[in-house]
Protein backbone atom coordinates (compact mmCIF):
# COMPACT_ATOMS: atom_id res chain seq x y z
CA MET A 1 62.82 99.62 55.35
CA ARG A 2 59.29 99.50 56.76
CA LEU A 3 57.98 96.00 57.33
CA GLY A 4 54.90 95.35 55.27
CA SER A 5 56.37 96.89 52.14
CA LYS A 6 56.24 94.73 49.00
CA THR A 7 59.41 92.76 48.45
CA ASP A 8 60.83 89.66 46.75
CA ASP A 9 63.44 89.25 49.50
CA GLU A 10 62.89 85.90 51.25
CA PHE A 11 64.16 87.19 54.62
CA LEU A 12 61.93 90.26 54.51
CA ILE A 13 58.92 88.20 53.38
CA LYS A 14 59.23 86.15 56.60
CA LEU A 15 59.52 89.32 58.68
CA ASN A 16 56.48 90.77 56.89
CA GLU A 17 54.45 87.72 57.92
CA LYS A 18 55.36 88.33 61.56
CA ASN A 19 54.66 92.04 61.15
CA SER A 20 51.22 91.23 59.78
CA GLN A 21 50.50 89.15 62.89
CA ILE A 22 51.68 91.98 65.15
CA GLN A 23 49.49 94.53 63.35
CA SER A 24 46.48 92.24 63.46
CA ILE A 25 46.80 91.65 67.22
CA PHE A 26 47.30 95.36 67.92
CA HIS A 27 44.32 96.23 65.71
CA GLU A 28 42.09 93.79 67.61
CA LYS A 29 43.16 95.34 70.92
CA ILE A 30 42.31 98.82 69.62
CA LYS A 31 38.91 97.64 68.39
CA GLU A 32 38.23 96.32 71.89
CA ILE A 33 39.24 99.65 73.47
CA ALA A 34 37.15 101.63 70.98
CA LYS A 35 33.88 99.91 71.86
CA LYS A 36 31.42 102.70 72.53
CA HIS A 37 29.28 103.26 75.58
CA LEU A 38 26.86 106.05 76.51
CA VAL A 39 27.44 108.76 79.11
CA ASP A 40 25.28 111.66 80.27
CA VAL A 41 26.48 115.08 79.14
CA MET A 42 25.12 118.61 79.38
CA MET A 43 24.80 121.01 76.47
CA GLN A 44 25.60 124.74 76.62
CA GLU A 45 21.94 125.63 77.27
CA GLY A 46 21.57 123.04 80.05
CA THR A 47 19.97 120.17 78.13
CA VAL A 48 21.17 116.73 79.25
CA LYS A 49 21.61 114.03 76.60
CA LYS A 50 23.37 110.71 75.99
CA GLN A 51 26.70 110.82 74.18
CA GLU A 52 28.86 107.98 72.82
CA THR A 53 32.47 107.69 74.00
CA PHE A 54 35.11 105.05 74.66
CA GLU A 55 37.69 104.39 77.39
CA VAL A 56 40.76 105.92 75.79
CA GLU A 57 42.81 105.65 78.98
CA LYS A 58 43.05 101.89 78.42
CA ILE A 59 45.57 102.48 75.63
CA ASN A 60 48.23 103.37 78.22
CA GLN A 61 47.67 99.98 79.87
CA ILE A 62 48.48 98.30 76.56
CA TYR A 63 51.52 100.52 76.02
CA ASN A 64 52.84 99.86 79.53
CA ARG A 65 52.46 96.08 79.17
CA PHE A 66 54.13 96.29 75.77
CA ALA A 67 57.07 98.31 77.13
CA ASN A 68 57.45 95.93 80.10
CA GLY A 69 57.67 93.03 77.66
CA LEU A 70 60.50 94.77 75.80
CA GLN A 71 62.66 95.93 78.68
CA ALA A 72 65.87 95.40 76.69
CA TRP A 73 64.62 97.96 74.16
CA THR A 74 65.05 101.72 74.52
CA LEU A 75 61.77 103.42 75.31
CA GLU A 76 61.57 106.82 73.60
CA GLY A 77 58.46 107.60 75.58
CA ILE A 78 54.71 107.19 75.94
CA SER A 79 53.38 110.52 74.75
CA SER A 80 50.32 112.38 73.57
CA THR A 81 49.57 115.35 71.36
CA ASN A 82 46.50 117.59 71.37
CA ASP A 83 45.72 119.83 68.41
CA GLU A 84 42.28 121.48 68.13
CA GLY A 85 40.25 118.49 69.19
CA ILE A 86 42.48 115.84 67.58
CA ARG A 87 44.53 113.83 70.05
CA ARG A 88 47.19 111.20 69.51
CA ASN A 89 48.57 108.73 72.07
CA PHE A 90 51.69 106.86 71.00
CA ILE A 91 54.70 104.85 72.10
CA LYS A 92 58.08 104.48 70.39
CA LEU A 93 60.84 101.99 71.15
CA ASN A 94 64.06 100.97 69.42
CA THR A 95 66.92 98.51 69.69
CA ASN A 96 69.95 97.41 67.69
CA ALA A 97 70.97 94.14 66.09
CA ASP A 98 74.66 94.69 65.31
CA ASP A 99 74.69 97.40 62.60
CA CYS A 100 70.92 97.42 62.18
CA LYS A 101 68.42 99.56 64.10
CA ILE A 102 64.86 98.37 64.68
CA SER A 103 62.21 100.97 65.57
CA LEU A 104 58.63 100.44 66.73
CA HIS A 105 55.77 102.92 66.64
CA LEU A 106 52.30 102.25 68.03
CA SER A 107 49.75 105.05 67.94
CA ILE A 108 46.05 105.84 68.10
CA GLN A 109 44.44 109.07 66.91
CA TYR A 110 40.95 110.20 67.85
CA HIS A 111 38.73 113.26 68.23
CA VAL A 112 37.85 114.86 71.54
CA VAL A 113 34.35 116.38 71.84
CA LEU A 114 33.70 118.60 74.86
CA PHE A 115 30.47 118.87 76.81
CA TYR A 116 29.63 119.98 80.32
CA GLN A 117 29.20 117.56 83.16
CA PRO A 118 25.51 117.01 84.02
CA ASN A 119 25.94 119.13 87.13
CA TYR A 120 23.77 121.98 88.47
CA GLU A 121 26.99 123.85 89.26
CA VAL A 122 27.41 124.48 85.50
CA MET A 123 24.18 126.48 85.29
CA LYS A 124 25.04 128.28 88.49
CA LYS A 125 28.48 129.36 87.20
CA GLN A 126 27.07 130.35 83.80
CA LYS A 127 24.50 132.63 85.46
CA GLU A 128 27.14 134.05 87.77
CA LEU A 129 29.39 134.84 84.79
CA SER A 130 26.51 136.35 82.79
CA ASP A 131 25.43 138.56 85.71
CA PHE A 132 29.01 139.65 86.32
CA MET A 133 29.54 140.53 82.63
CA ASP A 134 26.32 142.59 82.58
CA MET A 135 27.24 144.35 85.80
CA THR A 136 30.79 145.27 84.77
CA LYS A 137 30.27 145.89 81.03
CA LYS A 138 29.97 149.67 81.32
CA GLN A 139 32.68 149.91 83.99
CA GLU A 140 35.08 147.74 81.96
CA GLY A 141 34.53 149.91 78.88
CA GLU A 142 35.26 153.08 80.83
CA LEU A 143 38.35 151.56 82.42
CA THR A 144 39.62 150.26 79.07
CA GLU A 145 39.19 153.72 77.52
CA LYS A 146 41.04 155.24 80.46
CA SER A 147 43.81 152.65 80.13
CA ASP A 148 44.21 153.38 76.41
CA HIS A 149 44.57 157.09 77.22
CA VAL A 150 47.21 156.31 79.88
CA ILE A 151 49.18 154.19 77.39
CA LEU A 152 49.22 156.92 74.71
CA GLU A 153 50.13 159.67 77.16
CA LYS A 154 52.90 157.62 78.73
CA LEU A 155 54.41 156.72 75.35
CA LYS A 156 54.26 160.33 74.16
CA ALA A 157 56.08 161.33 77.33
CA GLU A 158 58.76 158.78 76.44
CA GLY A 159 59.17 160.41 73.02
CA TYR A 160 57.07 158.11 70.85
CA LYS A 161 54.93 159.79 68.17
CA ASP A 162 52.51 158.82 65.35
CA LEU A 163 51.46 155.65 67.14
CA ASP A 164 49.18 153.00 65.66
CA THR A 165 48.19 149.46 66.75
CA GLN A 166 51.26 147.84 65.15
CA ASN A 167 53.60 150.41 66.75
CA LEU A 168 52.08 149.73 70.17
CA PHE A 169 52.51 145.99 69.77
CA GLU A 170 56.15 146.32 68.75
CA ILE A 171 56.95 148.71 71.60
CA PHE A 172 55.27 146.51 74.21
CA TYR A 173 56.97 143.42 72.82
CA SER A 174 60.47 144.84 72.61
CA ASP A 175 60.70 147.19 75.61
CA ASP A 176 60.13 145.46 78.96
CA LYS A 177 60.80 148.60 81.01
CA ILE A 178 58.24 150.70 79.12
CA ARG A 179 55.67 147.92 79.40
CA GLU A 180 56.21 147.57 83.15
CA LYS A 181 55.97 151.35 83.67
CA ILE A 182 52.73 151.59 81.70
CA MET A 183 51.11 148.61 83.42
CA SER A 184 52.00 150.08 86.81
CA GLU A 185 50.55 153.45 85.77
CA ILE A 186 47.34 151.84 84.51
CA GLU A 187 46.89 149.98 87.79
CA LEU A 188 47.50 153.20 89.71
CA GLN A 189 45.10 155.28 87.57
CA THR A 190 42.30 152.69 87.69
CA ASP A 191 42.89 151.62 91.32
CA GLY A 192 43.51 148.13 89.92
CA ASP A 193 39.80 147.76 89.10
CA LEU A 194 40.38 146.61 85.52
CA GLN A 195 42.78 143.93 86.72
CA LYS A 196 40.30 142.83 89.39
CA ILE A 197 37.53 142.56 86.78
CA ASN A 198 39.74 140.48 84.49
CA GLN A 199 40.85 138.24 87.33
CA ARG A 200 37.26 137.64 88.41
CA LYS A 201 36.19 136.90 84.83
CA GLU A 202 39.10 134.49 84.34
CA GLY A 203 38.24 132.79 87.63
CA LEU A 204 34.64 132.18 86.54
CA LEU A 205 35.75 130.91 83.11
CA LYS A 206 38.26 128.60 84.80
CA ALA A 207 35.50 127.27 87.07
CA LEU A 208 33.40 126.46 83.98
CA ASP A 209 36.37 124.83 82.27
CA ASP A 210 36.80 122.58 85.29
CA LEU A 211 33.23 121.35 84.73
CA LEU A 212 33.90 120.28 81.13
CA LEU A 213 33.64 116.61 80.22
CA GLU A 214 35.71 115.04 77.44
CA THR A 215 34.17 112.41 75.16
CA TYR A 216 36.16 110.49 72.57
CA GLN A 217 35.37 109.47 68.99
CA MET A 218 37.40 107.08 66.85
CA GLU A 219 36.92 104.61 64.04
CA PRO A 220 39.31 101.77 64.98
CA VAL A 221 40.85 101.25 61.54
CA LEU A 222 44.50 100.51 60.79
CA ILE A 223 46.04 103.49 58.96
CA ASP A 224 49.51 104.53 57.81
CA GLU A 225 51.52 107.50 59.09
CA ALA A 226 50.59 109.66 56.10
CA ARG A 227 46.91 109.39 57.06
CA LEU A 228 47.85 109.93 60.70
CA VAL A 229 49.54 113.24 59.83
CA THR A 230 46.49 114.45 57.91
CA GLY A 231 44.36 113.98 61.04
CA GLU A 232 42.47 110.78 60.28
CA GLU A 233 41.13 108.67 63.13
CA GLY A 234 42.63 105.22 63.56
CA CYS A 235 45.64 103.28 64.78
CA VAL A 236 49.20 102.82 63.52
CA CYS A 237 51.54 99.89 64.07
CA ASN A 238 54.88 100.22 62.28
CA ILE A 239 58.23 98.45 62.46
CA ASP A 240 61.23 99.94 60.63
CA ILE A 241 64.63 98.37 60.08
CA GLU A 242 67.60 100.54 59.10
CA MET A 243 71.24 99.80 58.42
CA ILE A 244 73.80 101.96 60.21
CA GLU A 245 76.93 102.76 58.24
CA ASN A 246 79.71 104.86 59.78
CA GLY A 247 77.30 106.03 62.46
CA GLN A 248 74.74 107.20 59.88
CA LYS A 249 71.41 105.67 58.86
CA SER A 250 71.42 104.24 55.38
CA GLY A 251 68.48 105.09 53.13
CA VAL A 252 68.34 101.52 51.81
CA PHE A 253 68.09 98.19 53.66
CA ASP A 254 69.62 95.34 51.67
CA SER A 255 69.38 92.02 53.48
CA ASN A 256 72.09 90.61 51.18
CA GLN A 257 74.54 92.85 53.01
CA VAL A 258 73.43 91.51 56.41
CA SER A 259 75.18 88.51 57.92
CA SER A 260 73.28 85.35 58.86
CA SER A 261 73.92 85.93 62.56
CA THR A 262 72.51 89.48 62.34
CA LYS A 263 69.45 88.19 60.49
CA GLU A 264 68.86 85.71 63.31
CA LYS A 265 69.10 88.51 65.85
CA ILE A 266 66.65 90.67 63.88
CA SER A 267 64.20 87.79 63.56
CA ALA A 268 64.47 87.05 67.30
CA LEU A 269 63.80 90.72 68.11
CA ILE A 270 60.67 90.75 65.93
CA ASP A 271 59.57 87.57 67.76
CA GLN A 272 59.97 89.54 71.01
CA VAL A 273 57.61 92.19 69.66
CA LEU A 274 55.07 89.56 68.69
CA GLU A 275 55.27 87.97 72.14
CA ALA A 276 55.02 91.36 73.91
CA ILE A 277 51.98 92.51 71.91
CA THR A 278 50.27 89.17 72.46
């Protein structure tokens, strides 16, 4: 049973009222966090401009205070996910009231937009990478061609025939010894130059990545978990109550099957949440 769902149950109506207060307070805190300010960022071509962002790290302060206020509850963790520019920061806690389990989920979801730091080092590294790519383009092509020849010859020597791209992938994936032999032979035949080129290129790309600047975008609206899963920006504040029967969660919560003492415990626990979020 998720609090906030429509019901005629008098006990659940009272819990829904408290849940509404909890959601409202959490929503106001998220709106405060999501207030935008401007920062200087650099575009790919070196242009510096102002970009809106907000202080997303403040959400962990709220989560930590919330968890500290509910120390008797089990903290499932303060976590984050990052999927192609969409990030989610969330906290989950739970506790029991006799044969009932109460679960809390607070979450915010927002977009991350990357720029470069307004730093001359960015332009310097970009030029260094461009010059290096121009300088090694021909050499890398020759070395790659030579490496491909080494791979085919080595596999033919091992008895493989009629090779295509898919065959090569399967062989490399399934046979560690063959892969190690071929990689050693390639390094020997090319004096390790191809590996050195790749390492240098990766080093320059890593240096540029270190100069990236994250900015954050979010509309601070209260959403449900279905909208969260589809990637919408916003915040979630959910409380679920489940009955436990024979060690298993019941799909239905019927307050008529809950004793008065258990109801008092549940109500007191929801009061704890309200106090902690306040």
